[in-house]
Amino acid sequence: MTKLFSAAFLALALVGAAAAAEMPTKPITIPNKNGAITFNHDKHKAVKCEVCHGDPKGETKITPSKDWGHKTCQECHKANKDKGAKTDCKTCHSGPKS
């Protein structure tokens, strides 16, 4: 599971490095046993790239994991609940189980 998650993020990192200047226009999907994680960059465009990527150009400089994702995403969503950020599992795990 961890290897699959890491491989998916590595692939996204390579794509991100190739297109670092441009934010993806379509949601990205990361396979996950609890339901694919769907992330929409457009909904997060107010967040600076380095918050998630560790680099202002959007190049991934971190090694994401389940714990990293839960800590980073959930803390931000909880802090922005008054702005409409949701905190339930289906907010991120919106796809079919992988």
PDB file of N, CA and C in Angstrom:
ATOM      1  N   MET A   1       0.836  -1.195   0.000  1.00  0.00           N
ATOM      2  CA  MET A   1       0.000   0.000   0.000  1.00  0.00           C
ATOM      3  C   MET A   1       0.872   1.246   0.000  1.00  0.00           C
ATOM      4  N   THR A   2       1.852   1.266   0.901  1.00  0.00           N
ATOM      5  CA  THR A   2       2.728   2.431   0.981  1.00  0.00           C
ATOM      6  C   THR A   2       3.513   2.597  -0.312  1.00  0.00           C
ATOM      7  N   LYS A   3       3.944   1.469  -0.896  1.00  0.00           N
ATOM      8  CA  LYS A   3       4.701   1.542  -2.149  1.00  0.00           C
ATOM      9  C   LYS A   3       3.829   2.095  -3.260  1.00  0.00           C
ATOM     10  N   LEU A   4       2.561   1.664  -3.321  1.00  0.00           N
ATOM     11  CA  LEU A   4       1.638   2.157  -4.354  1.00  0.00           C
ATOM     12  C   LEU A   4       1.401   3.647  -4.177  1.00  0.00           C
ATOM     13  N   PHE A   5       1.179   4.069  -2.939  1.00  0.00           N
ATOM     14  CA  PHE A   5       0.933   5.480  -2.641  1.00  0.00           C
ATOM     15  C   PHE A   5       2.160   6.311  -3.006  1.00  0.00           C
ATOM     16  N   SER A   6       3.340   5.815  -2.625  1.00  0.00           N
ATOM     17  CA  SER A   6       4.578   6.538  -2.945  1.00  0.00           C
ATOM     18  C   SER A   6       4.815   6.601  -4.440  1.00  0.00           C
ATOM     19  N   ALA A   7       4.528   5.491  -5.138  1.00  0.00           N
ATOM     20  CA  ALA A   7       4.712   5.462  -6.591  1.00  0.00           C
ATOM     21  C   ALA A   7       3.775   6.456  -7.267  1.00  0.00           C
ATOM     22  N   ALA A   8       2.542   6.531  -6.783  1.00  0.00           N
ATOM     23  CA  ALA A   8       1.583   7.467  -7.371  1.00  0.00           C
ATOM     24  C   ALA A   8       2.052   8.905  -7.179  1.00  0.00           C
ATOM     25  N   PHE A   9       2.551   9.215  -5.987  1.00  0.00           N
ATOM     26  CA  PHE A   9       3.026  10.567  -5.743  1.00  0.00           C
ATOM     27  C   PHE A   9       4.309  10.871  -6.507  1.00  0.00           C
ATOM     28  N   LEU A  10       5.153   9.859  -6.692  1.00  0.00           N
ATOM     29  CA  LEU A  10       6.356  10.071  -7.487  1.00  0.00           C
ATOM     30  C   LEU A  10       5.975  10.403  -8.923  1.00  0.00           C
ATOM     31  N   ALA A  11       4.995   9.668  -9.448  1.00  0.00           N
ATOM     32  CA  ALA A  11       4.527   9.954 -10.809  1.00  0.00           C
ATOM     33  C   ALA A  11       3.973  11.371 -10.893  1.00  0.00           C
ATOM     34  N   LEU A  12       3.212  11.761  -9.892  1.00  0.00           N
ATOM     35  CA  LEU A  12       2.660  13.119  -9.874  1.00  0.00           C
ATOM     36  C   LEU A  12       3.775  14.156  -9.739  1.00  0.00           C
ATOM     37  N   ALA A  13       4.815  13.815  -8.997  1.00  0.00           N
ATOM     38  CA  ALA A  13       5.941  14.731  -8.841  1.00  0.00           C
ATOM     39  C   ALA A  13       6.622  14.965 -10.173  1.00  0.00           C
ATOM     40  N   LEU A  14       6.799  13.906 -10.947  1.00  0.00           N
ATOM     41  CA  LEU A  14       7.437  14.043 -12.252  1.00  0.00           C
ATOM     42  C   LEU A  14       6.581  14.864 -13.197  1.00  0.00           C
ATOM     43  N   VAL A  15       5.278  14.627 -13.156  1.00  0.00           N
ATOM     44  CA  VAL A  15       4.365  15.415 -13.985  1.00  0.00           C
ATOM     45  C   VAL A  15       4.400  16.862 -13.516  1.00  0.00           C
ATOM     46  N   GLY A  16       4.414  17.059 -12.200  1.00  0.00           N
ATOM     47  CA  GLY A  16       4.461  18.406 -11.649  1.00  0.00           C
ATOM     48  C   GLY A  16       5.732  19.132 -12.025  1.00  0.00           C
ATOM     49  N   ALA A  17       6.843  18.422 -12.026  1.00  0.00           N
ATOM     50  CA  ALA A  17       8.113  19.044 -12.393  1.00  0.00           C
ATOM     51  C   ALA A  17       8.111  19.448 -13.857  1.00  0.00           C
ATOM     52  N   ALA A  18       7.488  18.630 -14.688  1.00  0.00           N
ATOM     53  CA  ALA A  18       7.446  18.933 -16.121  1.00  0.00           C
ATOM     54  C   ALA A  18       6.546  20.126 -16.416  1.00  0.00           C
ATOM     55  N   ALA A  19       5.517  20.298 -15.618  1.00  0.00           N
ATOM     56  CA  ALA A  19       4.560  21.383 -15.866  1.00  0.00           C
ATOM     57  C   ALA A  19       4.458  22.296 -14.652  1.00  0.00           C
ATOM     58  N   ALA A  20       5.567  22.519 -13.980  1.00  0.00           N
ATOM     59  CA  ALA A  20       5.570  23.268 -12.728  1.00  0.00           C
ATOM     60  C   ALA A  20       5.004  24.672 -12.867  1.00  0.00           C
ATOM     61  N   ALA A  21       5.155  25.271 -14.015  1.00  0.00           N
ATOM     62  CA  ALA A  21       4.683  26.636 -14.204  1.00  0.00           C
ATOM     63  C   ALA A  21       3.163  26.695 -14.370  1.00  0.00           C
ATOM     64  N   GLU A  22       2.560  25.570 -14.720  1.00  0.00           N
ATOM     65  CA  GLU A  22       1.119  25.558 -14.942  1.00  0.00           C
ATOM     66  C   GLU A  22       0.438  24.552 -14.033  1.00  0.00           C
ATOM     67  N   MET A  23      -0.613  25.008 -13.407  1.00  0.00           N
ATOM     68  CA  MET A  23      -1.408  24.166 -12.543  1.00  0.00           C
ATOM     69  C   MET A  23      -2.261  23.232 -13.403  1.00  0.00           C
ATOM     70  N   PRO A  24      -2.403  21.952 -13.000  1.00  0.00           N
ATOM     71  CA  PRO A  24      -3.257  21.046 -13.778  1.00  0.00           C
ATOM     72  C   PRO A  24      -4.679  21.596 -13.880  1.00  0.00           C
ATOM     73  N   THR A  25      -5.290  21.438 -15.042  1.00  0.00           N
ATOM     74  CA  THR A  25      -6.644  21.958 -15.248  1.00  0.00           C
ATOM     75  C   THR A  25      -7.714  20.939 -14.888  1.00  0.00           C
ATOM     76  N   LYS A  26      -7.338  19.667 -14.848  1.00  0.00           N
ATOM     77  CA  LYS A  26      -8.293  18.616 -14.482  1.00  0.00           C
ATOM     78  C   LYS A  26      -7.902  18.040 -13.125  1.00  0.00           C
ATOM     79  N   PRO A  27      -8.883  17.527 -12.377  1.00  0.00           N
ATOM     80  CA  PRO A  27      -8.553  16.885 -11.101  1.00  0.00           C
ATOM     81  C   PRO A  27      -7.599  15.714 -11.322  1.00  0.00           C
ATOM     82  N   ILE A  28      -6.716  15.495 -10.345  1.00  0.00           N
ATOM     83  CA  ILE A  28      -5.835  14.340 -10.396  1.00  0.00           C
ATOM     84  C   ILE A  28      -6.416  13.266  -9.484  1.00  0.00           C
ATOM     85  N   THR A  29      -6.166  12.012  -9.810  1.00  0.00           N
ATOM     86  CA  THR A  29      -6.690  10.903  -9.026  1.00  0.00           C
ATOM     87  C   THR A  29      -5.538  10.020  -8.586  1.00  0.00           C
ATOM     88  N   ILE A  30      -5.502   9.717  -7.294  1.00  0.00           N
ATOM     89  CA  ILE A  30      -4.461   8.885  -6.715  1.00  0.00           C
ATOM     90  C   ILE A  30      -5.143   7.618  -6.193  1.00  0.00           C
ATOM     91  N   PRO A  31      -4.737   6.441  -6.684  1.00  0.00           N
ATOM     92  CA  PRO A  31      -5.344   5.193  -6.206  1.00  0.00           C
ATOM     93  C   PRO A  31      -5.144   5.035  -4.699  1.00  0.00           C
ATOM     94  N   ASN A  32      -6.161   4.525  -4.032  1.00  0.00           N
ATOM     95  CA  ASN A  32      -6.089   4.322  -2.587  1.00  0.00           C
ATOM     96  C   ASN A  32      -7.083   3.245  -2.197  1.00  0.00           C
ATOM     97  N   LYS A  33      -6.721   2.396  -1.228  1.00  0.00           N
ATOM     98  CA  LYS A  33      -7.597   1.290  -0.838  1.00  0.00           C
ATOM     99  C   LYS A  33      -8.896   1.766  -0.180  1.00  0.00           C
ATOM    100  N   ASN A  34      -8.925   2.978   0.335  1.00  0.00           N
ATOM    101  CA  ASN A  34     -10.138   3.521   0.953  1.00  0.00           C
ATOM    102  C   ASN A  34     -10.938   4.397   0.006  1.00  0.00           C
ATOM    103  N   GLY A  35     -10.653   4.289  -1.259  1.00  0.00           N
ATOM    104  CA  GLY A  35     -11.320   5.107  -2.267  1.00  0.00           C
ATOM    105  C   GLY A  35     -10.311   6.056  -2.872  1.00  0.00           C
ATOM    106  N   ALA A  36     -10.279   6.114  -4.173  1.00  0.00           N
ATOM    107  CA  ALA A  36      -9.302   6.953  -4.863  1.00  0.00           C
ATOM    108  C   ALA A  36      -9.383   8.387  -4.344  1.00  0.00           C
ATOM    109  N   ILE A  37      -8.224   9.015  -4.201  1.00  0.00           N
ATOM    110  CA  ILE A  37      -8.151  10.396  -3.732  1.00  0.00           C
ATOM    111  C   ILE A  37      -8.212  11.295  -4.960  1.00  0.00           C
ATOM    112  N   THR A  38      -9.212  12.139  -4.995  1.00  0.00           N
ATOM    113  CA  THR A  38      -9.361  13.066  -6.113  1.00  0.00           C
ATOM    114  C   THR A  38      -9.013  14.462  -5.611  1.00  0.00           C
ATOM    115  N   PHE A  39      -8.033  15.081  -6.273  1.00  0.00           N
ATOM    116  CA  PHE A  39      -7.594  16.412  -5.869  1.00  0.00           C
ATOM    117  C   PHE A  39      -7.781  17.384  -7.023  1.00  0.00           C
ATOM    118  N   ASN A  40      -8.483  18.466  -6.745  1.00  0.00           N
ATOM    119  CA  ASN A  40      -8.760  19.473  -7.752  1.00  0.00           C
ATOM    120  C   ASN A  40      -7.922  20.723  -7.451  1.00  0.00           C
ATOM    121  N   HIS A  41      -6.873  20.944  -8.255  1.00  0.00           N
ATOM    122  CA  HIS A  41      -6.012  22.109  -8.050  1.00  0.00           C
ATOM    123  C   HIS A  41      -6.798  23.418  -8.166  1.00  0.00           C
ATOM    124  N   ASP A  42      -7.777  23.460  -9.066  1.00  0.00           N
ATOM    125  CA  ASP A  42      -8.539  24.684  -9.277  1.00  0.00           C
ATOM    126  C   ASP A  42      -9.237  25.142  -7.996  1.00  0.00           C
ATOM    127  N   LYS A  43      -9.733  24.193  -7.199  1.00  0.00           N
ATOM    128  CA  LYS A  43     -10.412  24.542  -5.954  1.00  0.00           C
ATOM    129  C   LYS A  43      -9.430  25.035  -4.890  1.00  0.00           C
ATOM    130  N   HIS A  44      -8.141  24.773  -5.092  1.00  0.00           N
ATOM    131  CA  HIS A  44      -7.121  25.134  -4.110  1.00  0.00           C
ATOM    132  C   HIS A  44      -6.180  26.226  -4.606  1.00  0.00           C
ATOM    133  N   LYS A  45      -6.573  26.955  -5.647  1.00  0.00           N
ATOM    134  CA  LYS A  45      -5.652  27.928  -6.245  1.00  0.00           C
ATOM    135  C   LYS A  45      -5.302  29.089  -5.320  1.00  0.00           C
ATOM    136  N   ALA A  46      -6.055  29.295  -4.259  1.00  0.00           N
ATOM    137  CA  ALA A  46      -5.723  30.351  -3.302  1.00  0.00           C
ATOM    138  C   ALA A  46      -4.595  29.919  -2.359  1.00  0.00           C
ATOM    139  N   VAL A  47      -4.291  28.626  -2.346  1.00  0.00           N
ATOM    140  CA  VAL A  47      -3.231  28.087  -1.494  1.00  0.00           C
ATOM    141  C   VAL A  47      -1.913  28.149  -2.266  1.00  0.00           C
ATOM    142  N   LYS A  48      -0.880  28.667  -1.653  1.00  0.00           N
ATOM    143  CA  LYS A  48       0.420  28.747  -2.310  1.00  0.00           C
ATOM    144  C   LYS A  48       0.963  27.344  -2.565  1.00  0.00           C
ATOM    145  N   CYS A  49       1.597  27.169  -3.706  1.00  0.00           N
ATOM    146  CA  CYS A  49       2.122  25.860  -4.126  1.00  0.00           C
ATOM    147  C   CYS A  49       3.004  25.215  -3.057  1.00  0.00           C
ATOM    148  N   GLU A  50       3.861  26.033  -2.413  1.00  0.00           N
ATOM    149  CA  GLU A  50       4.807  25.468  -1.454  1.00  0.00           C
ATOM    150  C   GLU A  50       4.152  24.857  -0.223  1.00  0.00           C
ATOM    151  N   VAL A  51       2.902  25.206   0.059  1.00  0.00           N
ATOM    152  CA  VAL A  51       2.211  24.624   1.207  1.00  0.00           C
ATOM    153  C   VAL A  51       2.129  23.106   1.058  1.00  0.00           C
ATOM    154  N   CYS A  52       1.827  22.643  -0.132  1.00  0.00           N
ATOM    155  CA  CYS A  52       1.705  21.199  -0.368  1.00  0.00           C
ATOM    156  C   CYS A  52       2.940  20.603  -1.035  1.00  0.00           C
ATOM    157  N   HIS A  53       3.531  21.353  -1.947  1.00  0.00           N
ATOM    158  CA  HIS A  53       4.648  20.826  -2.736  1.00  0.00           C
ATOM    159  C   HIS A  53       6.014  21.093  -2.121  1.00  0.00           C
ATOM    160  N   GLY A  54       6.117  22.049  -1.213  1.00  0.00           N
ATOM    161  CA  GLY A  54       7.398  22.376  -0.622  1.00  0.00           C
ATOM    162  C   GLY A  54       8.267  23.227  -1.529  1.00  0.00           C
ATOM    163  N   ASP A  55       7.706  23.701  -2.631  1.00  0.00           N
ATOM    164  CA  ASP A  55       8.453  24.488  -3.602  1.00  0.00           C
ATOM    165  C   ASP A  55       7.508  25.517  -4.216  1.00  0.00           C
ATOM    166  N   PRO A  56       7.905  26.780  -4.312  1.00  0.00           N
ATOM    167  CA  PRO A  56       7.009  27.808  -4.851  1.00  0.00           C
ATOM    168  C   PRO A  56       6.623  27.605  -6.308  1.00  0.00           C
ATOM    169  N   LYS A  57       7.385  26.818  -7.053  1.00  0.00           N
ATOM    170  CA  LYS A  57       7.058  26.554  -8.451  1.00  0.00           C
ATOM    171  C   LYS A  57       6.123  25.357  -8.604  1.00  0.00           C
ATOM    172  N   GLY A  58       5.808  24.688  -7.500  1.00  0.00           N
ATOM    173  CA  GLY A  58       4.923  23.533  -7.569  1.00  0.00           C
ATOM    174  C   GLY A  58       5.644  22.227  -7.802  1.00  0.00           C
ATOM    175  N   GLU A  59       6.984  22.265  -7.746  1.00  0.00           N
ATOM    176  CA  GLU A  59       7.737  21.025  -7.883  1.00  0.00           C
ATOM    177  C   GLU A  59       7.706  20.305  -6.543  1.00  0.00           C
ATOM    178  N   THR A  60       7.396  19.023  -6.565  1.00  0.00           N
ATOM    179  CA  THR A  60       7.282  18.273  -5.321  1.00  0.00           C
ATOM    180  C   THR A  60       8.645  18.067  -4.685  1.00  0.00           C
ATOM    181  N   LYS A  61       8.784  18.533  -3.466  1.00  0.00           N
ATOM    182  CA  LYS A  61      10.029  18.380  -2.718  1.00  0.00           C
ATOM    183  C   LYS A  61       9.796  17.549  -1.454  1.00  0.00           C
ATOM    184  N   ILE A  62       8.627  16.955  -1.346  1.00  0.00           N
ATOM    185  CA  ILE A  62       8.262  16.181  -0.167  1.00  0.00           C
ATOM    186  C   ILE A  62       7.998  14.741  -0.565  1.00  0.00           C
ATOM    187  N   THR A  63       7.917  13.858   0.413  1.00  0.00           N
ATOM    188  CA  THR A  63       7.546  12.474   0.164  1.00  0.00           C
ATOM    189  C   THR A  63       6.194  12.257   0.832  1.00  0.00           C
ATOM    190  N   PRO A  64       5.115  12.453   0.089  1.00  0.00           N
ATOM    191  CA  PRO A  64       3.781  12.307   0.672  1.00  0.00           C
ATOM    192  C   PRO A  64       3.514  10.869   1.127  1.00  0.00           C
ATOM    193  N   SER A  65       2.718  10.761   2.142  1.00  0.00           N
ATOM    194  CA  SER A  65       2.291   9.468   2.670  1.00  0.00           C
ATOM    195  C   SER A  65       0.892   9.655   3.235  1.00  0.00           C
ATOM    196  N   LYS A  66       0.320   8.574   3.700  1.00  0.00           N
ATOM    197  CA  LYS A  66      -1.012   8.662   4.311  1.00  0.00           C
ATOM    198  C   LYS A  66      -0.980   9.648   5.486  1.00  0.00           C
ATOM    199  N   ASP A  67       0.022   9.503   6.355  1.00  0.00           N
ATOM    200  CA  ASP A  67       0.118  10.389   7.519  1.00  0.00           C
ATOM    201  C   ASP A  67       0.325  11.844   7.106  1.00  0.00           C
ATOM    202  N   TRP A  68       1.183  12.068   6.086  1.00  0.00           N
ATOM    203  CA  TRP A  68       1.416  13.432   5.603  1.00  0.00           C
ATOM    204  C   TRP A  68       0.117  14.023   5.061  1.00  0.00           C
ATOM    205  N   GLY A  69      -0.576  13.267   4.230  1.00  0.00           N
ATOM    206  CA  GLY A  69      -1.816  13.744   3.632  1.00  0.00           C
ATOM    207  C   GLY A  69      -2.873  14.054   4.670  1.00  0.00           C
ATOM    208  N   HIS A  70      -3.034  13.140   5.614  1.00  0.00           N
ATOM    209  CA  HIS A  70      -4.038  13.376   6.644  1.00  0.00           C
ATOM    210  C   HIS A  70      -3.676  14.600   7.483  1.00  0.00           C
ATOM    211  N   LYS A  71      -2.420  14.731   7.865  1.00  0.00           N
ATOM    212  CA  LYS A  71      -2.017  15.873   8.689  1.00  0.00           C
ATOM    213  C   LYS A  71      -2.148  17.185   7.911  1.00  0.00           C
ATOM    214  N   THR A  72      -1.572  17.241   6.738  1.00  0.00           N
ATOM    215  CA  THR A  72      -1.545  18.481   5.958  1.00  0.00           C
ATOM    216  C   THR A  72      -2.935  18.891   5.497  1.00  0.00           C
ATOM    217  N   CYS A  73      -3.637  17.977   4.864  1.00  0.00           N
ATOM    218  CA  CYS A  73      -4.953  18.308   4.306  1.00  0.00           C
ATOM    219  C   CYS A  73      -5.990  18.546   5.395  1.00  0.00           C
ATOM    220  N   GLN A  74      -6.039  17.657   6.384  1.00  0.00           N
ATOM    221  CA  GLN A  74      -7.050  17.798   7.426  1.00  0.00           C
ATOM    222  C   GLN A  74      -6.842  19.054   8.259  1.00  0.00           C
ATOM    223  N   GLU A  75      -5.600  19.365   8.595  1.00  0.00           N
ATOM    224  CA  GLU A  75      -5.349  20.579   9.385  1.00  0.00           C
ATOM    225  C   GLU A  75      -5.800  21.827   8.623  1.00  0.00           C
ATOM    226  N   CYS A  76      -5.511  21.862   7.329  1.00  0.00           N
ATOM    227  CA  CYS A  76      -5.896  23.018   6.521  1.00  0.00           C
ATOM    228  C   CYS A  76      -7.423  23.094   6.396  1.00  0.00           C
ATOM    229  N   HIS A  77      -8.052  21.954   6.139  1.00  0.00           N
ATOM    230  CA  HIS A  77      -9.506  21.946   6.007  1.00  0.00           C
ATOM    231  C   HIS A  77     -10.185  22.346   7.318  1.00  0.00           C
ATOM    232  N   LYS A  78      -9.677  21.857   8.445  1.00  0.00           N
ATOM    233  CA  LYS A  78     -10.249  22.236   9.741  1.00  0.00           C
ATOM    234  C   LYS A  78     -10.087  23.743   9.971  1.00  0.00           C
ATOM    235  N   ALA A  79      -8.928  24.279   9.622  1.00  0.00           N
ATOM    236  CA  ALA A  79      -8.665  25.714   9.809  1.00  0.00           C
ATOM    237  C   ALA A  79      -9.528  26.578   8.890  1.00  0.00           C
ATOM    238  N   ASN A  80     -10.006  25.997   7.793  1.00  0.00           N
ATOM    239  CA  ASN A  80     -10.794  26.760   6.814  1.00  0.00           C
ATOM    240  C   ASN A  80     -12.243  26.290   6.729  1.00  0.00           C
ATOM    241  N   LYS A  81     -12.711  25.655   7.783  1.00  0.00           N
ATOM    242  CA  LYS A  81     -14.084  25.151   7.815  1.00  0.00           C
ATOM    243  C   LYS A  81     -15.091  26.292   7.633  1.00  0.00           C
ATOM    244  N   ASP A  82     -14.777  27.463   8.189  1.00  0.00           N
ATOM    245  CA  ASP A  82     -15.676  28.614   8.066  1.00  0.00           C
ATOM    246  C   ASP A  82     -15.765  29.129   6.630  1.00  0.00           C
ATOM    247  N   LYS A  83     -14.816  28.709   5.776  1.00  0.00           N
ATOM    248  CA  LYS A  83     -14.817  29.105   4.365  1.00  0.00           C
ATOM    249  C   LYS A  83     -15.408  28.010   3.478  1.00  0.00           C
ATOM    250  N   GLY A  84     -15.966  26.972   4.106  1.00  0.00           N
ATOM    251  CA  GLY A  84     -16.612  25.913   3.342  1.00  0.00           C
ATOM    252  C   GLY A  84     -15.795  24.648   3.159  1.00  0.00           C
ATOM    253  N   ALA A  85     -14.584  24.591   3.728  1.00  0.00           N
ATOM    254  CA  ALA A  85     -13.770  23.378   3.614  1.00  0.00           C
ATOM    255  C   ALA A  85     -14.420  22.257   4.418  1.00  0.00           C
ATOM    256  N   LYS A  86     -14.523  21.100   3.808  1.00  0.00           N
ATOM    257  CA  LYS A  86     -15.146  19.946   4.470  1.00  0.00           C
ATOM    258  C   LYS A  86     -14.063  19.065   5.080  1.00  0.00           C
ATOM    259  N   THR A  87     -14.439  18.307   6.110  1.00  0.00           N
ATOM    260  CA  THR A  87     -13.459  17.481   6.813  1.00  0.00           C
ATOM    261  C   THR A  87     -13.815  15.997   6.835  1.00  0.00           C
ATOM    262  N   ASP A  88     -14.885  15.609   6.155  1.00  0.00           N
ATOM    263  CA  ASP A  88     -15.243  14.194   6.160  1.00  0.00           C
ATOM    264  C   ASP A  88     -14.362  13.424   5.163  1.00  0.00           C
ATOM    265  N   CYS A  89     -14.268  12.115   5.333  1.00  0.00           N
ATOM    266  CA  CYS A  89     -13.395  11.276   4.488  1.00  0.00           C
ATOM    267  C   CYS A  89     -13.699  11.410   3.002  1.00  0.00           C
ATOM    268  N   LYS A  90     -14.974  11.512   2.660  1.00  0.00           N
ATOM    269  CA  LYS A  90     -15.370  11.565   1.248  1.00  0.00           C
ATOM    270  C   LYS A  90     -14.965  12.865   0.557  1.00  0.00           C
ATOM    271  N   THR A  91     -14.494  13.835   1.329  1.00  0.00           N
ATOM    272  CA  THR A  91     -14.005  15.067   0.711  1.00  0.00           C
ATOM    273  C   THR A  91     -12.823  14.755  -0.202  1.00  0.00           C
ATOM    274  N   CYS A  92     -11.929  13.896   0.248  1.00  0.00           N
ATOM    275  CA  CYS A  92     -10.743  13.536  -0.549  1.00  0.00           C
ATOM    276  C   CYS A  92     -10.885  12.160  -1.192  1.00  0.00           C
ATOM    277  N   HIS A  93     -11.400  11.203  -0.424  1.00  0.00           N
ATOM    278  CA  HIS A  93     -11.563   9.845  -0.924  1.00  0.00           C
ATOM    279  C   HIS A  93     -12.897   9.739  -1.651  1.00  0.00           C
ATOM    280  N   SER A  94     -12.959  10.403  -2.798  1.00  0.00           N
ATOM    281  CA  SER A  94     -14.231  10.496  -3.514  1.00  0.00           C
ATOM    282  C   SER A  94     -14.374   9.495  -4.650  1.00  0.00           C
ATOM    283  N   GLY A  95     -13.319   8.791  -4.955  1.00  0.00           N
ATOM    284  CA  GLY A  95     -13.378   7.852  -6.071  1.00  0.00           C
ATOM    285  C   GLY A  95     -13.658   6.432  -5.606  1.00  0.00           C
ATOM    286  N   PRO A  96     -13.711   5.505  -6.558  1.00  0.00           N
ATOM    287  CA  PRO A  96     -13.947   4.106  -6.205  1.00  0.00           C
ATOM    288  C   PRO A  96     -12.736   3.524  -5.484  1.00  0.00           C
ATOM    289  N   LYS A  97     -12.972   2.515  -4.657  1.00  0.00           N
ATOM    290  CA  LYS A  97     -11.878   1.860  -3.962  1.00  0.00           C
ATOM    291  C   LYS A  97     -10.959   1.222  -4.985  1.00  0.00           C
ATOM    292  N   SER A  98      -9.654   1.363  -4.736  1.00  0.00           N
ATOM    293  CA  SER A  98      -8.647   0.832  -5.669  1.00  0.00           C
ATOM    294  C   SER A  98      -8.071  -0.460  -5.154  1.00  0.00           C
TER     295      SER A  98
END
